[in-house]
Amino acid sequence: MIQEVTDDDLKAATAEDPAVTKRLDVTRARVASLVRNYCSDLVANKFSIDKFVISQSISKKSYGAVNAAGNKAPSLGHVKLADRMERREPGTGPVTGERVQFVVIR
């Protein structure tokens, strides 16, 4: 993770790039490097799909197309998945209170 910036780190960074004058600049560079590394690992499939599983509980079996305020209700991924599971094999879908695990893939 990101380590605290010491005076030596600041001096070394200033020697490499004179535009770096503050600890914040060094921290930003470290964070940017960390994000780049994570992104390249993600693209290279170095993370298991288990790291991206979302788990949500079903609080109501169905949500209307319009909410109580009359606005269009959001499409909830776990509710849509539960409905699909129920349509595929009636009687086997999750019931209210159960958790549904899913991964969003674009």
N, C-alpha and C. Protein backbone atom coordinates (compact mmCIF):
# COMPACT_ATOMS: atom_id res chain seq x y z
N MET A 1 0.84 -1.19 0.00
CA MET A 1 0.00 0.00 0.00
C MET A 1 0.88 1.25 0.00
N ILE A 2 0.27 2.38 0.20
CA ILE A 2 0.99 3.66 0.15
C ILE A 2 1.67 3.90 1.49
N GLN A 3 2.97 4.16 1.43
CA GLN A 3 3.73 4.44 2.65
C GLN A 3 3.83 5.94 2.86
N GLU A 4 4.06 6.31 4.10
CA GLU A 4 4.23 7.72 4.44
C GLU A 4 5.46 8.28 3.72
N VAL A 5 5.35 9.52 3.27
CA VAL A 5 6.45 10.17 2.56
C VAL A 5 7.42 10.76 3.58
N THR A 6 8.65 10.31 3.51
CA THR A 6 9.68 10.81 4.43
C THR A 6 10.42 11.98 3.77
N ASP A 7 11.25 12.65 4.56
CA ASP A 7 12.05 13.75 4.02
C ASP A 7 13.00 13.25 2.93
N ASP A 8 13.56 12.07 3.12
CA ASP A 8 14.45 11.49 2.12
C ASP A 8 13.71 11.21 0.81
N ASP A 9 12.47 10.71 0.93
CA ASP A 9 11.67 10.46 -0.27
C ASP A 9 11.40 11.75 -1.02
N LEU A 10 11.11 12.81 -0.27
CA LEU A 10 10.83 14.10 -0.89
C LEU A 10 12.06 14.66 -1.59
N LYS A 11 13.23 14.52 -0.96
CA LYS A 11 14.48 14.98 -1.57
C LYS A 11 14.79 14.21 -2.84
N ALA A 12 14.59 12.89 -2.80
CA ALA A 12 14.85 12.05 -3.98
C ALA A 12 13.89 12.39 -5.12
N ALA A 13 12.63 12.61 -4.79
CA ALA A 13 11.64 12.94 -5.83
C ALA A 13 11.93 14.32 -6.42
N THR A 14 12.36 15.26 -5.58
CA THR A 14 12.69 16.60 -6.07
C THR A 14 13.92 16.55 -6.97
N ALA A 15 14.86 15.67 -6.65
CA ALA A 15 16.06 15.53 -7.49
C ALA A 15 15.69 14.97 -8.87
N GLU A 16 14.73 14.03 -8.91
CA GLU A 16 14.30 13.45 -10.18
C GLU A 16 13.46 14.42 -10.99
N ASP A 17 12.57 15.13 -10.32
CA ASP A 17 11.65 16.05 -11.00
C ASP A 17 11.53 17.32 -10.16
N PRO A 18 12.09 18.42 -10.62
CA PRO A 18 12.05 19.67 -9.85
C PRO A 18 10.64 20.19 -9.60
N ALA A 19 9.66 19.74 -10.39
CA ALA A 19 8.28 20.20 -10.20
C ALA A 19 7.67 19.62 -8.93
N VAL A 20 8.25 18.54 -8.42
CA VAL A 20 7.76 17.92 -7.19
C VAL A 20 8.30 18.72 -6.01
N THR A 21 7.41 19.40 -5.31
CA THR A 21 7.86 20.24 -4.20
C THR A 21 7.17 19.89 -2.88
N LYS A 22 6.12 19.07 -2.93
CA LYS A 22 5.35 18.79 -1.72
C LYS A 22 5.20 17.29 -1.52
N ARG A 23 4.93 16.93 -0.29
CA ARG A 23 4.66 15.52 0.03
C ARG A 23 3.43 15.02 -0.73
N LEU A 24 2.48 15.92 -0.94
CA LEU A 24 1.26 15.56 -1.66
C LEU A 24 1.58 15.12 -3.09
N ASP A 25 2.54 15.79 -3.72
CA ASP A 25 2.94 15.41 -5.08
C ASP A 25 3.51 13.99 -5.11
N VAL A 26 4.31 13.65 -4.12
CA VAL A 26 4.90 12.31 -4.04
C VAL A 26 3.80 11.28 -3.79
N THR A 27 2.87 11.61 -2.91
CA THR A 27 1.76 10.70 -2.61
C THR A 27 0.91 10.47 -3.85
N ARG A 28 0.62 11.53 -4.58
CA ARG A 28 -0.17 11.40 -5.82
C ARG A 28 0.53 10.49 -6.82
N ALA A 29 1.83 10.66 -6.96
CA ALA A 29 2.59 9.81 -7.88
C ALA A 29 2.54 8.35 -7.45
N ARG A 30 2.63 8.11 -6.16
CA ARG A 30 2.57 6.74 -5.65
C ARG A 30 1.19 6.12 -5.88
N VAL A 31 0.15 6.90 -5.64
CA VAL A 31 -1.21 6.41 -5.85
C VAL A 31 -1.43 6.12 -7.33
N ALA A 32 -0.98 7.01 -8.20
CA ALA A 32 -1.14 6.81 -9.64
C ALA A 32 -0.42 5.54 -10.08
N SER A 33 0.77 5.30 -9.55
CA SER A 33 1.51 4.09 -9.88
C SER A 33 0.77 2.84 -9.40
N LEU A 34 0.23 2.90 -8.20
CA LEU A 34 -0.51 1.77 -7.65
C LEU A 34 -1.74 1.46 -8.51
N VAL A 35 -2.47 2.49 -8.91
CA VAL A 35 -3.66 2.30 -9.74
C VAL A 35 -3.27 1.72 -11.10
N ARG A 36 -2.20 2.23 -11.69
CA ARG A 36 -1.74 1.69 -12.98
C ARG A 36 -1.39 0.20 -12.85
N ASN A 37 -0.72 -0.16 -11.76
CA ASN A 37 -0.36 -1.57 -11.55
C ASN A 37 -1.60 -2.45 -11.40
N TYR A 38 -2.59 -1.98 -10.63
CA TYR A 38 -3.82 -2.75 -10.46
C TYR A 38 -4.56 -2.88 -11.80
N CYS A 39 -4.60 -1.82 -12.57
CA CYS A 39 -5.29 -1.87 -13.86
C CYS A 39 -4.61 -2.84 -14.82
N SER A 40 -3.28 -2.83 -14.85
CA SER A 40 -2.58 -3.76 -15.74
C SER A 40 -2.78 -5.20 -15.27
N ASP A 41 -2.82 -5.44 -13.95
CA ASP A 41 -3.10 -6.78 -13.44
C ASP A 41 -4.51 -7.22 -13.79
N LEU A 42 -5.44 -6.29 -13.74
CA LEU A 42 -6.83 -6.59 -14.08
C LEU A 42 -6.96 -6.99 -15.54
N VAL A 43 -6.31 -6.25 -16.41
CA VAL A 43 -6.35 -6.55 -17.84
C VAL A 43 -5.66 -7.88 -18.13
N ALA A 44 -4.64 -8.21 -17.38
CA ALA A 44 -3.89 -9.46 -17.58
C ALA A 44 -4.55 -10.66 -16.88
N ASN A 45 -5.76 -10.48 -16.35
CA ASN A 45 -6.52 -11.55 -15.68
C ASN A 45 -5.75 -12.16 -14.51
N LYS A 46 -5.09 -11.34 -13.73
CA LYS A 46 -4.36 -11.83 -12.57
C LYS A 46 -5.22 -11.91 -11.31
N PHE A 47 -6.48 -11.44 -11.40
CA PHE A 47 -7.40 -11.49 -10.28
C PHE A 47 -8.45 -12.56 -10.55
N SER A 48 -8.82 -13.30 -9.53
CA SER A 48 -9.87 -14.30 -9.65
C SER A 48 -11.22 -13.61 -9.75
N ILE A 49 -12.16 -14.23 -10.44
CA ILE A 49 -13.50 -13.66 -10.57
C ILE A 49 -14.18 -13.57 -9.21
N ASP A 50 -13.72 -14.37 -8.25
CA ASP A 50 -14.28 -14.34 -6.89
C ASP A 50 -14.12 -12.96 -6.25
N LYS A 51 -13.15 -12.20 -6.68
CA LYS A 51 -12.91 -10.86 -6.13
C LYS A 51 -13.99 -9.87 -6.55
N PHE A 52 -14.79 -10.23 -7.56
CA PHE A 52 -15.78 -9.30 -8.11
C PHE A 52 -17.22 -9.71 -7.82
N VAL A 53 -17.41 -10.70 -6.97
CA VAL A 53 -18.75 -11.18 -6.65
C VAL A 53 -19.44 -10.18 -5.73
N ILE A 54 -20.68 -9.85 -6.10
CA ILE A 54 -21.52 -8.97 -5.29
C ILE A 54 -22.60 -9.84 -4.67
N SER A 55 -22.89 -9.64 -3.42
CA SER A 55 -23.92 -10.41 -2.73
C SER A 55 -24.92 -9.45 -2.12
N GLN A 56 -26.19 -9.61 -2.50
CA GLN A 56 -27.24 -8.75 -1.95
C GLN A 56 -28.43 -9.61 -1.58
N SER A 57 -29.15 -9.18 -0.55
CA SER A 57 -30.31 -9.97 -0.13
C SER A 57 -31.56 -9.45 -0.82
N ILE A 58 -32.50 -10.35 -1.00
CA ILE A 58 -33.79 -10.02 -1.61
C ILE A 58 -34.71 -9.55 -0.49
N SER A 59 -35.12 -8.28 -0.55
CA SER A 59 -36.01 -7.78 0.50
C SER A 59 -37.47 -7.85 0.07
N LYS A 60 -37.72 -7.71 -1.23
CA LYS A 60 -39.07 -7.87 -1.77
C LYS A 60 -38.95 -8.75 -3.00
N LYS A 61 -39.96 -9.54 -3.25
CA LYS A 61 -39.89 -10.45 -4.39
C LYS A 61 -39.95 -9.69 -5.71
N SER A 62 -40.73 -8.62 -5.75
CA SER A 62 -40.80 -7.88 -7.01
C SER A 62 -40.89 -6.39 -6.71
N TYR A 63 -40.30 -5.63 -7.56
CA TYR A 63 -40.33 -4.18 -7.45
C TYR A 63 -41.12 -3.66 -8.64
N GLY A 64 -42.00 -2.71 -8.38
CA GLY A 64 -42.81 -2.16 -9.46
C GLY A 64 -41.97 -1.34 -10.42
N ALA A 65 -42.52 -1.08 -11.60
CA ALA A 65 -41.81 -0.27 -12.59
C ALA A 65 -41.75 1.19 -12.14
N VAL A 66 -42.69 1.58 -11.25
CA VAL A 66 -42.73 2.95 -10.76
C VAL A 66 -42.73 2.88 -9.23
N ASN A 67 -41.92 3.73 -8.59
CA ASN A 67 -41.88 3.71 -7.13
C ASN A 67 -43.01 4.54 -6.53
N ALA A 68 -43.05 4.65 -5.22
CA ALA A 68 -44.14 5.34 -4.53
C ALA A 68 -44.23 6.82 -4.90
N ALA A 69 -43.11 7.43 -5.25
CA ALA A 69 -43.11 8.85 -5.62
C ALA A 69 -43.52 9.06 -7.08
N GLY A 70 -43.74 7.98 -7.80
CA GLY A 70 -44.15 8.10 -9.20
C GLY A 70 -42.99 8.14 -10.17
N ASN A 71 -41.78 7.99 -9.66
CA ASN A 71 -40.61 7.99 -10.52
C ASN A 71 -40.31 6.57 -10.99
N LYS A 72 -39.60 6.46 -12.10
CA LYS A 72 -39.22 5.15 -12.60
C LYS A 72 -38.27 4.50 -11.60
N ALA A 73 -38.58 3.30 -11.18
CA ALA A 73 -37.76 2.59 -10.21
C ALA A 73 -36.48 2.08 -10.88
N PRO A 74 -35.37 2.07 -10.15
CA PRO A 74 -34.13 1.57 -10.73
C PRO A 74 -34.20 0.07 -10.96
N SER A 75 -33.48 -0.40 -11.97
CA SER A 75 -33.42 -1.85 -12.19
C SER A 75 -32.33 -2.39 -11.27
N LEU A 76 -32.72 -3.26 -10.39
CA LEU A 76 -31.80 -3.82 -9.41
C LEU A 76 -31.30 -5.16 -9.92
N GLY A 77 -29.97 -5.30 -10.03
CA GLY A 77 -29.37 -6.48 -10.61
C GLY A 77 -29.74 -7.77 -9.91
N HIS A 78 -29.72 -7.75 -8.56
CA HIS A 78 -30.02 -8.97 -7.83
C HIS A 78 -31.48 -9.38 -7.97
N VAL A 79 -32.38 -8.40 -8.13
CA VAL A 79 -33.80 -8.71 -8.31
C VAL A 79 -34.03 -9.29 -9.70
N LYS A 80 -33.38 -8.70 -10.71
CA LYS A 80 -33.50 -9.23 -12.07
C LYS A 80 -32.97 -10.66 -12.14
N LEU A 81 -31.85 -10.91 -11.49
CA LEU A 81 -31.28 -12.25 -11.47
C LEU A 81 -32.22 -13.23 -10.79
N ALA A 82 -32.81 -12.84 -9.68
CA ALA A 82 -33.75 -13.72 -8.97
C ALA A 82 -34.95 -14.04 -9.85
N ASP A 83 -35.45 -13.05 -10.57
CA ASP A 83 -36.59 -13.28 -11.49
C ASP A 83 -36.20 -14.25 -12.60
N ARG A 84 -34.99 -14.08 -13.16
CA ARG A 84 -34.54 -14.99 -14.22
C ARG A 84 -34.40 -16.42 -13.70
N MET A 85 -33.85 -16.55 -12.49
CA MET A 85 -33.68 -17.88 -11.90
C MET A 85 -35.04 -18.54 -11.70
N GLU A 86 -36.02 -17.77 -11.28
CA GLU A 86 -37.37 -18.30 -11.05
C GLU A 86 -38.02 -18.70 -12.38
N ARG A 87 -37.81 -17.91 -13.43
CA ARG A 87 -38.38 -18.24 -14.74
C ARG A 87 -37.76 -19.50 -15.33
N ARG A 88 -36.45 -19.68 -15.12
CA ARG A 88 -35.77 -20.87 -15.66
C ARG A 88 -36.29 -22.15 -15.04
N GLU A 89 -36.34 -22.17 -13.72
CA GLU A 89 -36.82 -23.34 -13.00
C GLU A 89 -37.78 -22.87 -11.91
N PRO A 90 -39.08 -22.85 -12.22
CA PRO A 90 -40.05 -22.37 -11.23
C PRO A 90 -39.95 -23.11 -9.91
N GLY A 91 -40.00 -22.34 -8.83
CA GLY A 91 -39.94 -22.92 -7.49
C GLY A 91 -38.54 -23.04 -6.92
N THR A 92 -37.51 -22.77 -7.74
CA THR A 92 -36.14 -22.92 -7.24
C THR A 92 -35.44 -21.58 -7.04
N GLY A 93 -36.09 -20.49 -7.41
CA GLY A 93 -35.47 -19.18 -7.27
C GLY A 93 -35.35 -18.76 -5.81
N PRO A 94 -34.51 -17.77 -5.54
CA PRO A 94 -34.35 -17.31 -4.15
C PRO A 94 -35.63 -16.67 -3.62
N VAL A 95 -35.84 -16.82 -2.33
CA VAL A 95 -37.02 -16.23 -1.69
C VAL A 95 -36.59 -15.02 -0.88
N THR A 96 -37.55 -14.28 -0.39
CA THR A 96 -37.27 -13.09 0.40
C THR A 96 -36.37 -13.44 1.59
N GLY A 97 -35.31 -12.66 1.76
CA GLY A 97 -34.37 -12.88 2.85
C GLY A 97 -33.10 -13.62 2.43
N GLU A 98 -33.14 -14.32 1.32
CA GLU A 98 -31.95 -15.03 0.84
C GLU A 98 -31.01 -14.06 0.14
N ARG A 99 -29.74 -14.41 0.13
CA ARG A 99 -28.74 -13.58 -0.55
C ARG A 99 -28.48 -14.14 -1.94
N VAL A 100 -28.36 -13.24 -2.89
CA VAL A 100 -28.08 -13.61 -4.28
C VAL A 100 -26.69 -13.10 -4.61
N GLN A 101 -25.85 -14.01 -5.10
CA GLN A 101 -24.49 -13.61 -5.51
C GLN A 101 -24.44 -13.50 -7.02
N PHE A 102 -23.80 -12.43 -7.51
CA PHE A 102 -23.69 -12.24 -8.94
C PHE A 102 -22.47 -11.39 -9.26
N VAL A 103 -22.09 -11.42 -10.52
CA VAL A 103 -20.98 -10.60 -11.02
C VAL A 103 -21.53 -9.81 -12.20
N VAL A 104 -21.28 -8.51 -12.23
CA VAL A 104 -21.71 -7.68 -13.33
C VAL A 104 -20.63 -7.74 -14.41
N ILE A 105 -21.02 -8.14 -15.60
CA ILE A 105 -20.08 -8.23 -16.73
C ILE A 105 -20.63 -7.36 -17.84
N ARG A 106 -19.76 -6.55 -18.37
CA ARG A 106 -20.20 -5.63 -19.42
C ARG A 106 -19.79 -6.17 -20.75
